[in-house]
Amino acid sequence: MYRYTPDEIDYERANHQAKVQDRKNLDVKRIGNLGELAFEQFCREYLPVELWEWKNEEAMRRCNPESFSSYDFEVFGYEVDVKTSRDVSAFLPETLLDNDPDDDIIVMVWHRDKEDSLIMLGWERTETLKSKAASQEKYSGEEPEKLDHLAARPMNELIDLGPNTAYMNQKPKNPFSPGDRVKKKGDKDASVAIVVEVLPPEQNTGAYGVEMEGEAVSVAFPSSLDEGPGNWETIHPALYASYCYDQNIRLYTYKHSNLEFEE
């Protein structure tokens, strides 16, 4: 099992993207977004980035409607869909197959009532689920022990049950977050800019398609933000990328090591 605790930026983006995508089912969509973020963090920590792709990464980062992809991730060439629920009965083989029979693999993520912590229970191939569903229909057996009374188990019991695999830790290493005020390092006369996006480490393409050594950070200058239709300073920093994208505000991409915090 793998535990994921969303930070404020992730939660705000998950909620706002859900509003953009499906206001009628806001809670369901937000929880689904958090489940995708949980699996993305798992992949980033334990799987080489060359071998997986999150189909909705940009849609989540910029709070845009999702692509029309029928699945959430592609991992090792398999189509993977993430299912997130508070009710563990949603993870029974027959239920999973009824809701999503076409993907290669289904990832199961359970969340707490407050949505402040999620547990990735594991994954199953749909072919295996079909076999289990057929067996359960023929024989009455007990459900997997890992689903038994999950909601009543203490969180600290689940924290240490990490995957038995190499820990790769491919999370961004730069210190910046959306909303930070930065300037070009070593330049006393440099203009102050606002961090809008911290791009995933593998997306390090700068201007003119040239790859940079290091992680990319996209910023906007206050003068450009002021030209927008609203007061950008009243917007949550998690939504700056969405605001700049919608208002066509120009972003500038820098290598993170070339920036420093404005004092």
Protein backbone atom coordinates (compact mmCIF):
# COMPACT_ATOMS: atom_id res chain seq x y z
CA MET A 1 0.00 0.00 0.00
CA TYR A 2 1.05 3.58 -0.62
CA ARG A 3 -0.11 6.69 1.22
CA TYR A 4 -0.51 10.07 -0.48
CA THR A 5 -1.26 13.33 1.33
CA PRO A 6 -2.29 16.12 -1.08
CA ASP A 7 -0.79 19.53 -0.43
CA GLU A 8 -2.78 22.74 -0.77
CA ILE A 9 -1.76 23.30 -4.40
CA ASP A 10 -2.80 19.79 -5.47
CA TYR A 11 -6.11 19.97 -3.61
CA GLU A 12 -7.06 23.36 -5.07
CA ARG A 13 -6.20 22.18 -8.58
CA ALA A 14 -8.13 18.94 -8.16
CA ASN A 15 -11.18 20.88 -7.00
CA HIS A 16 -11.04 23.60 -9.66
CA GLN A 17 -10.44 21.14 -12.49
CA ALA A 18 -13.46 19.20 -11.26
CA LYS A 19 -15.56 22.38 -11.52
CA VAL A 20 -14.37 22.90 -15.08
CA GLN A 21 -14.92 19.28 -16.04
CA ASP A 22 -18.17 18.35 -14.32
CA ARG A 23 -19.93 20.70 -11.88
CA LYS A 24 -22.89 18.32 -11.47
CA ASN A 25 -20.65 15.65 -9.92
CA LEU A 26 -18.11 17.93 -8.28
CA ASP A 27 -17.29 15.75 -5.26
CA VAL A 28 -16.94 12.57 -7.31
CA LYS A 29 -14.73 14.25 -9.89
CA ARG A 30 -12.53 15.96 -7.29
CA ILE A 31 -11.96 12.69 -5.47
CA GLY A 32 -11.16 11.02 -8.79
CA ASN A 33 -8.61 13.77 -9.50
CA LEU A 34 -6.98 13.21 -6.09
CA GLY A 35 -6.75 9.50 -6.86
CA GLU A 36 -4.93 10.25 -10.10
CA LEU A 37 -2.56 12.57 -8.24
CA ALA A 38 -1.88 9.79 -5.73
CA PHE A 39 -0.97 7.31 -8.47
CA GLU A 40 1.13 9.93 -10.28
CA GLN A 41 3.16 10.46 -7.10
CA PHE A 42 3.58 6.70 -6.73
CA CYS A 43 4.82 6.40 -10.32
CA ARG A 44 7.17 9.33 -9.82
CA GLU A 45 8.68 7.71 -6.75
CA TYR A 46 8.94 4.12 -7.96
CA LEU A 47 8.82 3.86 -11.78
CA PRO A 48 11.21 5.28 -14.42
CA VAL A 49 9.55 8.32 -16.02
CA GLU A 50 10.33 6.97 -19.48
CA LEU A 51 7.97 4.04 -18.88
CA TRP A 52 4.77 5.80 -17.83
CA GLU A 53 2.63 8.75 -18.93
CA TRP A 54 -0.19 10.56 -17.15
CA LYS A 55 -2.71 11.50 -19.81
CA ASN A 56 -4.28 14.26 -17.72
CA GLU A 57 -1.13 15.91 -16.31
CA GLU A 58 -1.47 19.18 -18.22
CA ALA A 59 -5.25 19.29 -17.76
CA MET A 60 -4.74 19.03 -14.00
CA ARG A 61 -1.86 21.52 -13.84
CA ARG A 62 -3.78 24.11 -15.86
CA CYS A 63 -7.27 23.12 -14.65
CA ASN A 64 -8.51 22.52 -18.18
CA PRO A 65 -11.04 19.95 -19.40
CA GLU A 66 -9.45 16.55 -19.80
CA SER A 67 -8.49 14.98 -23.11
CA PHE A 68 -10.81 12.40 -24.57
CA SER A 69 -8.49 9.56 -23.61
CA SER A 70 -10.46 6.57 -22.33
CA TYR A 71 -7.86 5.84 -19.65
CA ASP A 72 -5.81 7.84 -17.13
CA PHE A 73 -2.27 6.47 -17.46
CA GLU A 74 -0.14 4.40 -19.77
CA VAL A 75 2.34 2.27 -17.82
CA PHE A 76 4.73 -0.15 -19.52
CA GLY A 77 2.45 0.04 -22.55
CA TYR A 78 -0.67 -0.93 -20.58
CA GLU A 79 -3.80 1.21 -20.36
CA VAL A 80 -4.40 2.01 -16.69
CA ASP A 81 -7.47 3.56 -15.06
CA VAL A 82 -7.56 4.82 -11.46
CA LYS A 83 -10.66 4.17 -9.33
CA THR A 84 -11.02 6.15 -6.10
CA SER A 85 -13.67 5.52 -3.46
CA ARG A 86 -14.42 5.74 0.27
CA ASP A 87 -16.59 2.63 -0.01
CA VAL A 88 -14.38 -0.45 -0.26
CA SER A 89 -17.20 -2.41 -1.91
CA ALA A 90 -16.40 -0.36 -5.03
CA PHE A 91 -13.21 -2.42 -5.33
CA LEU A 92 -14.93 -5.80 -5.56
CA PRO A 93 -14.07 -7.55 -8.85
CA GLU A 94 -17.61 -7.53 -10.21
CA THR A 95 -18.11 -3.85 -9.37
CA LEU A 96 -14.82 -2.82 -10.98
CA LEU A 97 -15.65 -4.73 -14.14
CA ASP A 98 -19.16 -3.30 -14.34
CA ASN A 99 -17.78 0.24 -14.23
CA ASP A 100 -14.67 -0.18 -16.36
CA PRO A 101 -14.21 -3.44 -18.29
CA ASP A 102 -12.03 -2.15 -21.14
CA ASP A 103 -8.73 -1.05 -19.56
CA ASP A 104 -5.79 -3.39 -19.08
CA ILE A 105 -5.20 -2.56 -15.41
CA ILE A 106 -7.31 -0.89 -12.69
CA VAL A 107 -5.66 0.91 -9.77
CA MET A 108 -7.62 1.05 -6.50
CA VAL A 109 -7.34 4.13 -4.26
CA TRP A 110 -9.22 4.58 -0.99
CA HIS A 111 -9.71 8.01 0.60
CA ARG A 112 -10.58 9.33 4.04
CA ASP A 113 -13.76 11.34 4.63
CA LYS A 114 -11.81 14.59 4.89
CA GLU A 115 -9.95 13.81 1.62
CA ASP A 116 -6.72 14.72 3.43
CA SER A 117 -5.10 11.34 2.89
CA LEU A 118 -5.45 8.60 0.28
CA ILE A 119 -4.23 5.01 0.29
CA MET A 120 -3.35 3.23 -2.93
CA LEU A 121 -4.40 -0.34 -2.19
CA GLY A 122 -2.89 -1.86 -5.30
CA TRP A 123 -3.91 -2.80 -8.82
CA GLU A 124 -5.39 -5.69 -10.74
CA ARG A 125 -5.39 -6.71 -14.38
CA THR A 126 -8.89 -6.83 -15.79
CA GLU A 127 -8.30 -10.39 -16.97
CA THR A 128 -7.57 -11.37 -13.37
CA LEU A 129 -10.67 -9.53 -12.18
CA LYS A 130 -12.80 -11.46 -14.67
CA SER A 131 -11.44 -14.71 -13.28
CA LYS A 132 -12.08 -13.60 -9.69
CA ALA A 133 -15.59 -12.42 -10.49
CA ALA A 134 -16.39 -15.77 -12.11
CA SER A 135 -15.01 -17.62 -9.08
CA GLN A 136 -16.98 -15.50 -6.62
CA GLU A 137 -20.15 -16.13 -8.56
CA LYS A 138 -19.55 -19.87 -8.38
CA TYR A 139 -18.13 -20.10 -4.89
CA SER A 140 -18.90 -17.93 -1.86
CA GLY A 141 -15.58 -16.93 -0.40
CA GLU A 142 -14.17 -14.19 1.78
CA GLU A 143 -13.01 -10.90 0.31
CA PRO A 144 -9.31 -10.03 0.32
CA GLU A 145 -8.09 -9.32 3.83
CA LYS A 146 -6.59 -5.99 2.80
CA LEU A 147 -10.13 -4.63 2.26
CA ASP A 148 -11.45 -5.89 5.58
CA HIS A 149 -12.46 -3.04 7.92
CA LEU A 150 -10.07 -0.69 6.13
CA ALA A 151 -11.84 2.43 7.38
CA ALA A 152 -11.34 1.36 11.00
CA ARG A 153 -7.61 0.69 10.72
CA PRO A 154 -5.22 3.36 12.08
CA MET A 155 -3.42 5.39 9.45
CA ASN A 156 -0.01 4.72 10.98
CA GLU A 157 -0.56 1.04 10.31
CA LEU A 158 -0.75 1.77 6.60
CA ILE A 159 2.12 4.21 6.24
CA ASP A 160 4.93 1.65 6.44
CA LEU A 161 3.45 -0.78 3.94
CA GLY A 162 5.37 0.64 0.97
CA PRO A 163 6.08 -1.27 -2.24
CA ASN A 164 8.96 -3.71 -2.28
CA THR A 165 10.73 -1.95 -5.13
CA ALA A 166 13.46 0.59 -5.80
CA TYR A 167 12.79 4.08 -4.51
CA MET A 168 13.56 6.44 -7.39
CA ASN A 169 12.23 9.77 -6.06
CA GLN A 170 11.74 11.66 -9.32
CA LYS A 171 9.79 14.48 -7.69
CA PRO A 172 10.80 18.07 -8.49
CA LYS A 173 13.83 19.06 -6.44
CA ASN A 174 13.62 22.80 -6.90
CA PRO A 175 12.36 24.89 -3.95
CA PHE A 176 9.76 26.98 -5.78
CA SER A 177 5.97 26.78 -5.69
CA PRO A 178 3.24 28.69 -7.55
CA GLY A 179 2.90 32.16 -6.07
CA ASP A 180 6.52 32.55 -5.03
CA ARG A 181 8.17 35.85 -5.95
CA VAL A 182 11.49 35.25 -7.69
CA LYS A 183 14.15 37.05 -9.68
CA LYS A 184 17.10 36.10 -11.82
CA LYS A 185 19.96 34.98 -9.62
CA GLY A 186 22.88 37.34 -9.27
CA ASP A 187 21.19 40.27 -11.01
CA LYS A 188 20.42 43.12 -8.60
CA ASP A 189 18.41 44.96 -11.26
CA ALA A 190 16.33 41.97 -12.34
CA SER A 191 12.55 42.37 -12.37
CA VAL A 192 10.48 40.40 -9.89
CA ALA A 193 8.42 37.58 -11.41
CA ILE A 194 5.68 35.30 -10.07
CA VAL A 195 6.05 31.52 -10.24
CA VAL A 196 3.11 30.14 -12.21
CA GLU A 197 4.10 26.54 -12.94
CA VAL A 198 6.68 24.13 -11.61
CA LEU A 199 6.99 21.67 -14.47
CA PRO A 200 7.62 17.96 -13.95
CA PRO A 201 11.38 17.22 -14.04
CA GLU A 202 11.12 15.36 -17.35
CA GLN A 203 9.49 18.40 -19.02
CA ASN A 204 12.63 20.51 -19.12
CA THR A 205 12.23 22.03 -22.57
CA GLY A 206 12.92 25.75 -22.57
CA ALA A 207 12.66 28.39 -25.24
CA TYR A 208 12.83 27.33 -28.90
CA GLY A 209 12.51 23.68 -27.96
CA VAL A 210 15.99 23.46 -26.43
CA GLU A 211 16.32 21.11 -23.46
CA MET A 212 17.87 22.62 -20.35
CA GLU A 213 19.93 20.86 -17.72
CA GLY A 214 17.77 21.12 -14.64
CA GLU A 215 14.13 21.60 -13.85
CA ALA A 216 11.97 24.15 -15.60
CA VAL A 217 9.95 26.83 -13.83
CA SER A 218 7.45 29.03 -15.68
CA VAL A 219 6.93 32.59 -14.42
CA ALA A 220 4.88 35.64 -15.34
CA PHE A 221 5.68 39.27 -14.63
CA PRO A 222 3.23 41.33 -12.54
CA SER A 223 2.86 43.89 -15.34
CA SER A 224 1.50 41.16 -17.61
CA LEU A 225 -0.74 39.73 -14.90
CA ASP A 226 -2.14 43.21 -14.23
CA GLU A 227 -3.41 43.35 -17.82
CA GLY A 228 -5.82 40.49 -17.14
CA PRO A 229 -9.54 41.07 -16.55
CA GLY A 230 -9.43 40.52 -12.78
CA ASN A 231 -7.27 41.05 -9.74
CA TRP A 232 -4.83 38.17 -10.06
CA GLU A 233 -3.62 38.65 -6.48
CA THR A 234 -7.00 37.44 -5.19
CA ILE A 235 -6.66 34.14 -7.09
CA HIS A 236 -5.25 31.12 -5.30
CA PRO A 237 -1.66 30.48 -6.55
CA ALA A 238 -2.65 26.94 -7.51
CA LEU A 239 -4.85 28.48 -10.22
CA TYR A 240 -2.29 30.89 -11.71
CA ALA A 241 -1.49 28.46 -14.54
CA SER A 242 -5.18 28.17 -15.39
CA TYR A 243 -5.61 31.96 -15.27
CA CYS A 244 -2.59 32.65 -17.50
CA TYR A 245 -3.64 29.97 -19.98
CA ASP A 246 -7.23 31.25 -20.20
CA GLN A 247 -6.16 34.90 -20.54
CA ASN A 248 -3.27 34.17 -22.90
CA ILE A 249 -0.74 35.75 -20.55
CA ARG A 250 2.80 35.12 -21.67
CA LEU A 251 4.94 32.83 -19.53
CA TYR A 252 8.72 32.68 -19.42
CA THR A 253 10.52 29.43 -18.65
CA TYR A 254 13.72 29.40 -16.62
CA LYS A 255 16.07 26.76 -15.31
CA HIS A 256 15.25 26.65 -11.60
CA SER A 257 18.88 27.07 -10.55
CA ASN A 258 18.96 30.43 -12.37
CA LEU A 259 16.29 31.85 -10.06
CA GLU A 260 16.29 32.94 -6.45
CA PHE A 261 13.63 34.15 -4.02
CA GLU A 262 12.94 37.86 -3.92
CA GLU A 263 13.82 39.05 -0.44
